[in-house]
Amino acid sequence: MIRKQYSAALTATCVILGVIIGVQVNTVKQQRMTTEHQRLSEATAALNQLQAEHDALLEQNETLENTLKEYQDGTVGAEMEQLLRFAGLTAVSGPGVAVTMNDSSTRGGGDMNAYLVHAEDLLAVVNELHAAGAEAVSINGQRMVGNSAITCAGSIVMVNGVRVAAPFEINAVGEPDVLQSALYFPGGVVDNLAPWGIEISVQKQEAVEVPAYTQTALFKDMEEEE
């Protein structure tokens, strides 16, 4: 009798333990499924958020690119063109004057170099033209800019490092009447060169071409010497 009761109690205990273990296993499985589902939902939401932010950034980038292009084509383009013109990096054409300077055809006594056109004579003309409002100036095709140099060694004149020779053709874009008057002003450049017989003429032109400044011109003679 006691053995039967013990066997029944043991059986009941095993059944209860089995039920408890089964419940725990199902609980763990449900918790794991719930956790995995929650993580998947969170990952999906994060991915959707990132995709939305990515699309917004692409749209913003496209808008900025379009704005930049419009700005470059408009304001920046005009400002850049103006800067290039001011720096002498673009050709300029318009009304102006054509100045021709040549050595004296009649030589008096004394130093013969005094009857030749020198760097300081060309520089005086260029400075006068700029002072009179010339937009662009060139000497024998060499554009005069801020760092241009006119040098002289004996009878050899160099502009932007390039040898130039008489007759010197100086083109200037600007108001023709003002530019011409500036050179013929009493006591001005023309009057100062007259005693030496330097030949100079200033012709007003409806269209004058002044080429762009080329950086390579500065090193042309240096490369030839090498």
C-alpha atoms as a PDB file:
ATOM      1  CA  MET A   1       0.000   0.000   0.000  1.00  0.00           C
ATOM      2  CA  ILE A   2       2.776   2.375   0.970  1.00  0.00           C
ATOM      3  CA  ARG A   3       4.690   1.503  -2.232  1.00  0.00           C
ATOM      4  CA  LYS A   4       1.645   2.311  -4.356  1.00  0.00           C
ATOM      5  CA  GLN A   5       1.244   5.653  -2.613  1.00  0.00           C
ATOM      6  CA  TYR A   6       4.956   6.443  -3.109  1.00  0.00           C
ATOM      7  CA  SER A   7       4.736   5.482  -6.784  1.00  0.00           C
ATOM      8  CA  ALA A   8       1.696   7.651  -7.272  1.00  0.00           C
ATOM      9  CA  ALA A   9       3.365  10.603  -5.521  1.00  0.00           C
ATOM     10  CA  LEU A  10       6.472  10.199  -7.619  1.00  0.00           C
ATOM     11  CA  THR A  11       4.419  10.029 -10.771  1.00  0.00           C
ATOM     12  CA  ALA A  12       2.524  13.156  -9.797  1.00  0.00           C
ATOM     13  CA  THR A  13       5.734  14.959  -8.997  1.00  0.00           C
ATOM     14  CA  CYS A  14       7.207  14.038 -12.400  1.00  0.00           C
ATOM     15  CA  VAL A  15       4.056  15.188 -14.120  1.00  0.00           C
ATOM     16  CA  ILE A  16       4.158  18.507 -12.272  1.00  0.00           C
ATOM     17  CA  LEU A  17       7.857  18.949 -13.061  1.00  0.00           C
ATOM     18  CA  GLY A  18       7.164  18.143 -16.712  1.00  0.00           C
ATOM     19  CA  VAL A  19       4.398  20.702 -16.844  1.00  0.00           C
ATOM     20  CA  ILE A  20       6.580  23.318 -15.152  1.00  0.00           C
ATOM     21  CA  ILE A  21       9.476  22.608 -17.534  1.00  0.00           C
ATOM     22  CA  GLY A  22       7.125  22.755 -20.505  1.00  0.00           C
ATOM     23  CA  VAL A  23       5.690  26.050 -19.362  1.00  0.00           C
ATOM     24  CA  GLN A  24       9.194  27.491 -18.862  1.00  0.00           C
ATOM     25  CA  VAL A  25      10.328  26.301 -22.285  1.00  0.00           C
ATOM     26  CA  ASN A  26       7.290  27.845 -23.941  1.00  0.00           C
ATOM     27  CA  THR A  27       7.815  31.030 -21.947  1.00  0.00           C
ATOM     28  CA  VAL A  28      11.446  31.245 -23.034  1.00  0.00           C
ATOM     29  CA  LYS A  29      10.486  30.587 -26.650  1.00  0.00           C
ATOM     30  CA  GLN A  30       7.800  33.260 -26.510  1.00  0.00           C
ATOM     31  CA  GLN A  31      10.194  35.752 -24.908  1.00  0.00           C
ATOM     32  CA  ARG A  32      12.841  34.982 -27.532  1.00  0.00           C
ATOM     33  CA  MET A  33      10.316  35.359 -30.350  1.00  0.00           C
ATOM     34  CA  THR A  34       9.086  38.594 -28.809  1.00  0.00           C
ATOM     35  CA  THR A  35      12.638  39.919 -28.442  1.00  0.00           C
ATOM     36  CA  GLU A  36      13.578  38.948 -31.991  1.00  0.00           C
ATOM     37  CA  HIS A  37      10.403  40.521 -33.346  1.00  0.00           C
ATOM     38  CA  GLN A  38      11.086  43.674 -31.341  1.00  0.00           C
ATOM     39  CA  ARG A  39      14.675  43.846 -32.581  1.00  0.00           C
ATOM     40  CA  LEU A  40      13.537  43.266 -36.161  1.00  0.00           C
ATOM     41  CA  SER A  41      10.959  46.017 -35.802  1.00  0.00           C
ATOM     42  CA  GLU A  42      13.534  48.394 -34.344  1.00  0.00           C
ATOM     43  CA  ALA A  43      16.037  47.555 -37.085  1.00  0.00           C
ATOM     44  CA  THR A  44      13.378  48.080 -39.759  1.00  0.00           C
ATOM     45  CA  ALA A  45      12.385  51.414 -38.249  1.00  0.00           C
ATOM     46  CA  ALA A  46      16.044  52.519 -38.061  1.00  0.00           C
ATOM     47  CA  LEU A  47      16.603  51.454 -41.657  1.00  0.00           C
ATOM     48  CA  ASN A  48      13.538  53.379 -42.796  1.00  0.00           C
ATOM     49  CA  GLN A  49      14.753  56.428 -40.874  1.00  0.00           C
ATOM     50  CA  LEU A  50      18.188  56.221 -42.478  1.00  0.00           C
ATOM     51  CA  GLN A  51      16.647  55.819 -45.917  1.00  0.00           C
ATOM     52  CA  ALA A  52      14.439  58.849 -45.326  1.00  0.00           C
ATOM     53  CA  GLU A  53      17.438  60.903 -44.178  1.00  0.00           C
ATOM     54  CA  HIS A  54      19.443  59.700 -47.194  1.00  0.00           C
ATOM     55  CA  ASP A  55      16.666  60.713 -49.590  1.00  0.00           C
ATOM     56  CA  ALA A  56      16.392  64.109 -47.863  1.00  0.00           C
ATOM     57  CA  LEU A  57      20.153  64.664 -48.184  1.00  0.00           C
ATOM     58  CA  LEU A  58      20.070  63.728 -51.862  1.00  0.00           C
ATOM     59  CA  GLU A  59      17.244  66.186 -52.447  1.00  0.00           C
ATOM     60  CA  GLN A  60      19.073  68.891 -50.494  1.00  0.00           C
ATOM     61  CA  ASN A  61      22.286  68.212 -52.424  1.00  0.00           C
ATOM     62  CA  GLU A  62      20.461  68.465 -55.740  1.00  0.00           C
ATOM     63  CA  THR A  63      18.909  71.751 -54.653  1.00  0.00           C
ATOM     64  CA  LEU A  64      22.306  73.138 -53.613  1.00  0.00           C
ATOM     65  CA  GLU A  65      23.889  72.032 -56.890  1.00  0.00           C
ATOM     66  CA  ASN A  66      21.133  73.735 -58.886  1.00  0.00           C
ATOM     67  CA  THR A  67      21.485  76.882 -56.784  1.00  0.00           C
ATOM     68  CA  LEU A  68      25.275  76.864 -57.232  1.00  0.00           C
ATOM     69  CA  LYS A  69      24.947  76.403 -60.985  1.00  0.00           C
ATOM     70  CA  GLU A  70      22.469  79.273 -61.226  1.00  0.00           C
ATOM     71  CA  TYR A  71      24.773  81.433 -59.093  1.00  0.00           C
ATOM     72  CA  GLN A  72      27.805  80.559 -61.210  1.00  0.00           C
ATOM     73  CA  ASP A  73      25.914  81.216 -64.438  1.00  0.00           C
ATOM     74  CA  GLY A  74      24.638  84.476 -63.023  1.00  0.00           C
ATOM     75  CA  THR A  75      26.345  86.551 -60.382  1.00  0.00           C
ATOM     76  CA  VAL A  76      29.558  84.570 -60.017  1.00  0.00           C
ATOM     77  CA  GLY A  77      29.954  84.232 -63.757  1.00  0.00           C
ATOM     78  CA  ALA A  78      29.658  87.982 -64.225  1.00  0.00           C
ATOM     79  CA  GLU A  79      31.985  88.694 -61.312  1.00  0.00           C
ATOM     80  CA  MET A  80      34.530  86.179 -62.589  1.00  0.00           C
ATOM     81  CA  GLU A  81      34.419  87.703 -66.053  1.00  0.00           C
ATOM     82  CA  GLN A  82      34.970  91.142 -64.548  1.00  0.00           C
ATOM     83  CA  LEU A  83      37.904  89.889 -62.477  1.00  0.00           C
ATOM     84  CA  LEU A  84      39.475  88.213 -65.501  1.00  0.00           C
ATOM     85  CA  ARG A  85      39.149  91.412 -67.495  1.00  0.00           C
ATOM     86  CA  PHE A  86      40.641  93.428 -64.652  1.00  0.00           C
ATOM     87  CA  ALA A  87      43.558  90.984 -64.385  1.00  0.00           C
ATOM     88  CA  GLY A  88      44.131  91.194 -68.120  1.00  0.00           C
ATOM     89  CA  LEU A  89      43.435  87.499 -68.696  1.00  0.00           C
ATOM     90  CA  THR A  90      40.816  88.105 -71.375  1.00  0.00           C
ATOM     91  CA  ALA A  91      41.080  90.027 -74.624  1.00  0.00           C
ATOM     92  CA  VAL A  92      39.394  93.427 -74.707  1.00  0.00           C
ATOM     93  CA  SER A  93      38.082  95.350 -77.663  1.00  0.00           C
ATOM     94  CA  GLY A  94      36.303  98.639 -78.066  1.00  0.00           C
ATOM     95  CA  PRO A  95      36.824 102.321 -78.869  1.00  0.00           C
ATOM     96  CA  GLY A  96      40.208 103.743 -77.993  1.00  0.00           C
ATOM     97  CA  VAL A  97      43.452 105.001 -79.452  1.00  0.00           C
ATOM     98  CA  ALA A  98      46.327 103.544 -81.434  1.00  0.00           C
ATOM     99  CA  VAL A  99      49.664 105.131 -80.517  1.00  0.00           C
ATOM    100  CA  THR A 100      52.727 104.687 -82.725  1.00  0.00           C
ATOM    101  CA  MET A 101      56.183 105.579 -81.378  1.00  0.00           C
ATOM    102  CA  ASN A 102      59.379 105.452 -83.420  1.00  0.00           C
ATOM    103  CA  ASP A 103      63.005 106.468 -83.054  1.00  0.00           C
ATOM    104  CA  SER A 104      63.978 109.898 -84.268  1.00  0.00           C
ATOM    105  CA  SER A 105      64.686 110.035 -87.998  1.00  0.00           C
ATOM    106  CA  THR A 106      66.918 113.069 -87.553  1.00  0.00           C
ATOM    107  CA  ARG A 107      69.842 112.736 -85.149  1.00  0.00           C
ATOM    108  CA  GLY A 108      71.514 115.759 -83.641  1.00  0.00           C
ATOM    109  CA  GLY A 109      74.766 115.821 -81.741  1.00  0.00           C
ATOM    110  CA  GLY A 110      75.543 114.157 -78.454  1.00  0.00           C
ATOM    111  CA  ASP A 111      74.499 110.729 -77.280  1.00  0.00           C
ATOM    112  CA  MET A 112      72.699 108.861 -80.067  1.00  0.00           C
ATOM    113  CA  ASN A 113      70.704 106.847 -77.498  1.00  0.00           C
ATOM    114  CA  ALA A 114      68.859 110.028 -76.615  1.00  0.00           C
ATOM    115  CA  TYR A 115      67.119 109.856 -79.994  1.00  0.00           C
ATOM    116  CA  LEU A 116      65.802 106.315 -79.431  1.00  0.00           C
ATOM    117  CA  VAL A 117      62.573 105.273 -77.766  1.00  0.00           C
ATOM    118  CA  HIS A 118      63.446 103.841 -74.351  1.00  0.00           C
ATOM    119  CA  ALA A 119      61.588 101.916 -71.701  1.00  0.00           C
ATOM    120  CA  GLU A 120      60.863 105.032 -69.676  1.00  0.00           C
ATOM    121  CA  ASP A 121      59.261 106.674 -72.726  1.00  0.00           C
ATOM    122  CA  LEU A 122      56.925 103.715 -73.247  1.00  0.00           C
ATOM    123  CA  LEU A 123      56.180 103.598 -69.543  1.00  0.00           C
ATOM    124  CA  ALA A 124      55.314 107.303 -69.533  1.00  0.00           C
ATOM    125  CA  VAL A 125      52.787 106.758 -72.325  1.00  0.00           C
ATOM    126  CA  VAL A 126      51.276 103.679 -70.648  1.00  0.00           C
ATOM    127  CA  ASN A 127      50.969 105.453 -67.294  1.00  0.00           C
ATOM    128  CA  GLU A 128      49.332 108.456 -68.922  1.00  0.00           C
ATOM    129  CA  LEU A 129      46.827 106.240 -70.712  1.00  0.00           C
ATOM    130  CA  HIS A 130      45.954 104.409 -67.518  1.00  0.00           C
ATOM    131  CA  ALA A 131      45.622 107.683 -65.648  1.00  0.00           C
ATOM    132  CA  ALA A 132      43.198 108.831 -68.351  1.00  0.00           C
ATOM    133  CA  GLY A 133      40.990 105.787 -67.734  1.00  0.00           C
ATOM    134  CA  ALA A 134      42.240 103.257 -70.273  1.00  0.00           C
ATOM    135  CA  GLU A 135      40.608  99.880 -69.615  1.00  0.00           C
ATOM    136  CA  ALA A 136      43.344  97.875 -71.321  1.00  0.00           C
ATOM    137  CA  VAL A 137      46.727  98.663 -72.875  1.00  0.00           C
ATOM    138  CA  SER A 138      49.181  96.645 -74.949  1.00  0.00           C
ATOM    139  CA  ILE A 139      52.605  97.280 -76.472  1.00  0.00           C
ATOM    140  CA  ASN A 140      53.402  95.392 -79.658  1.00  0.00           C
ATOM    141  CA  GLY A 141      50.843  92.759 -78.693  1.00  0.00           C
ATOM    142  CA  GLN A 142      52.023  92.452 -75.070  1.00  0.00           C
ATOM    143  CA  ARG A 143      49.207  93.128 -72.600  1.00  0.00           C
ATOM    144  CA  MET A 144      50.121  95.442 -69.747  1.00  0.00           C
ATOM    145  CA  VAL A 145      48.968  94.188 -66.339  1.00  0.00           C
ATOM    146  CA  GLY A 146      49.862  94.873 -62.718  1.00  0.00           C
ATOM    147  CA  ASN A 147      53.079  92.859 -62.765  1.00  0.00           C
ATOM    148  CA  SER A 148      54.167  93.794 -66.285  1.00  0.00           C
ATOM    149  CA  ALA A 149      57.663  95.189 -66.681  1.00  0.00           C
ATOM    150  CA  ILE A 150      59.164  97.415 -69.356  1.00  0.00           C
ATOM    151  CA  THR A 151      62.944  97.242 -69.278  1.00  0.00           C
ATOM    152  CA  CYS A 152      65.695  98.603 -71.470  1.00  0.00           C
ATOM    153  CA  ALA A 153      69.311  97.562 -72.065  1.00  0.00           C
ATOM    154  CA  GLY A 154      70.911  99.924 -74.537  1.00  0.00           C
ATOM    155  CA  SER A 155      68.720  99.855 -77.620  1.00  0.00           C
ATOM    156  CA  ILE A 156      66.917  96.645 -76.606  1.00  0.00           C
ATOM    157  CA  VAL A 157      63.489  97.052 -75.049  1.00  0.00           C
ATOM    158  CA  MET A 158      61.683  94.195 -73.348  1.00  0.00           C
ATOM    159  CA  VAL A 159      58.011  94.055 -72.353  1.00  0.00           C
ATOM    160  CA  ASN A 160      56.812  91.165 -70.180  1.00  0.00           C
ATOM    161  CA  GLY A 161      60.193  89.560 -70.763  1.00  0.00           C
ATOM    162  CA  VAL A 162      59.740  89.638 -74.566  1.00  0.00           C
ATOM    163  CA  ARG A 163      61.969  91.682 -76.873  1.00  0.00           C
ATOM    164  CA  VAL A 164      60.098  94.365 -78.790  1.00  0.00           C
ATOM    165  CA  ALA A 165      61.440  96.846 -81.319  1.00  0.00           C
ATOM    166  CA  ALA A 166      60.461 100.125 -82.938  1.00  0.00           C
ATOM    167  CA  PRO A 167      58.062 101.105 -84.263  1.00  0.00           C
ATOM    168  CA  PHE A 168      56.159 100.548 -81.037  1.00  0.00           C
ATOM    169  CA  GLU A 169      52.427 100.069 -81.441  1.00  0.00           C
ATOM    170  CA  ILE A 170      50.490 100.897 -78.274  1.00  0.00           C
ATOM    171  CA  ASN A 171      46.793 100.080 -78.280  1.00  0.00           C
ATOM    172  CA  ALA A 172      44.500 101.344 -75.551  1.00  0.00           C
ATOM    173  CA  VAL A 173      40.784 100.740 -75.032  1.00  0.00           C
ATOM    174  CA  GLY A 174      38.945 103.659 -73.476  1.00  0.00           C
ATOM    175  CA  GLU A 175      37.338 106.987 -74.279  1.00  0.00           C
ATOM    176  CA  PRO A 176      39.199 108.060 -77.462  1.00  0.00           C
ATOM    177  CA  ASP A 177      38.940 111.832 -76.939  1.00  0.00           C
ATOM    178  CA  VAL A 178      40.101 111.618 -73.323  1.00  0.00           C
ATOM    179  CA  LEU A 179      43.020 109.303 -74.088  1.00  0.00           C
ATOM    180  CA  GLN A 180      44.231 111.405 -77.009  1.00  0.00           C
ATOM    181  CA  SER A 181      43.941 114.640 -75.049  1.00  0.00           C
ATOM    182  CA  ALA A 182      45.906 113.131 -72.154  1.00  0.00           C
ATOM    183  CA  LEU A 183      48.906 112.441 -74.378  1.00  0.00           C
ATOM    184  CA  TYR A 184      48.756 115.774 -76.180  1.00  0.00           C
ATOM    185  CA  PHE A 185      48.252 117.737 -72.970  1.00  0.00           C
ATOM    186  CA  PRO A 186      50.627 120.739 -72.874  1.00  0.00           C
ATOM    187  CA  GLY A 187      53.789 119.718 -71.089  1.00  0.00           C
ATOM    188  CA  GLY A 188      52.760 116.084 -71.349  1.00  0.00           C
ATOM    189  CA  VAL A 189      54.394 113.028 -72.946  1.00  0.00           C
ATOM    190  CA  VAL A 190      54.350 114.221 -76.551  1.00  0.00           C
ATOM    191  CA  ASP A 191      55.790 117.623 -75.650  1.00  0.00           C
ATOM    192  CA  ASN A 192      58.554 116.018 -73.568  1.00  0.00           C
ATOM    193  CA  LEU A 193      59.645 113.742 -76.422  1.00  0.00           C
ATOM    194  CA  ALA A 194      59.455 116.411 -79.147  1.00  0.00           C
ATOM    195  CA  PRO A 195      62.937 117.930 -78.513  1.00  0.00           C
ATOM    196  CA  TRP A 196      64.528 114.560 -79.265  1.00  0.00           C
ATOM    197  CA  GLY A 197      62.689 114.080 -82.505  1.00  0.00           C
ATOM    198  CA  ILE A 198      60.855 110.985 -81.215  1.00  0.00           C
ATOM    199  CA  GLU A 199      58.042 110.307 -83.641  1.00  0.00           C
ATOM    200  CA  ILE A 200      54.696 109.766 -81.954  1.00  0.00           C
ATOM    201  CA  SER A 201      51.182 109.762 -83.340  1.00  0.00           C
ATOM    202  CA  VAL A 202      47.904 109.172 -81.524  1.00  0.00           C
ATOM    203  CA  GLN A 203      44.965 108.074 -83.639  1.00  0.00           C
ATOM    204  CA  LYS A 204      41.436 107.719 -82.307  1.00  0.00           C
ATOM    205  CA  GLN A 205      39.873 104.386 -83.274  1.00  0.00           C
ATOM    206  CA  GLU A 206      36.316 103.077 -83.197  1.00  0.00           C
ATOM    207  CA  ALA A 207      37.573  99.559 -82.517  1.00  0.00           C
ATOM    208  CA  VAL A 208      40.855  98.690 -80.831  1.00  0.00           C
ATOM    209  CA  GLU A 209      41.969  95.149 -80.015  1.00  0.00           C
ATOM    210  CA  VAL A 210      44.022  94.463 -76.892  1.00  0.00           C
ATOM    211  CA  PRO A 211      45.029  90.792 -76.460  1.00  0.00           C
ATOM    212  CA  ALA A 212      44.918  88.855 -73.211  1.00  0.00           C
ATOM    213  CA  TYR A 213      47.958  88.632 -70.985  1.00  0.00           C
ATOM    214  CA  THR A 214      49.772  85.290 -71.260  1.00  0.00           C
ATOM    215  CA  GLN A 215      51.872  84.135 -68.323  1.00  0.00           C
ATOM    216  CA  THR A 216      54.159  82.116 -70.591  1.00  0.00           C
ATOM    217  CA  ALA A 217      55.333  85.323 -72.219  1.00  0.00           C
ATOM    218  CA  LEU A 218      57.271  86.127 -69.074  1.00  0.00           C
ATOM    219  CA  PHE A 219      59.431  83.038 -69.498  1.00  0.00           C
ATOM    220  CA  LYS A 220      59.707  82.882 -73.262  1.00  0.00           C
ATOM    221  CA  ASP A 221      63.204  84.328 -73.495  1.00  0.00           C
ATOM    222  CA  MET A 222      64.359  82.355 -70.452  1.00  0.00           C
ATOM    223  CA  GLU A 223      63.307  79.101 -72.105  1.00  0.00           C
ATOM    224  CA  GLU A 224      65.022  80.074 -75.344  1.00  0.00           C
ATOM    225  CA  GLU A 225      68.277  80.784 -73.474  1.00  0.00           C
ATOM    226  CA  GLU A 226      68.110  77.388 -71.739  1.00  0.00           C
END
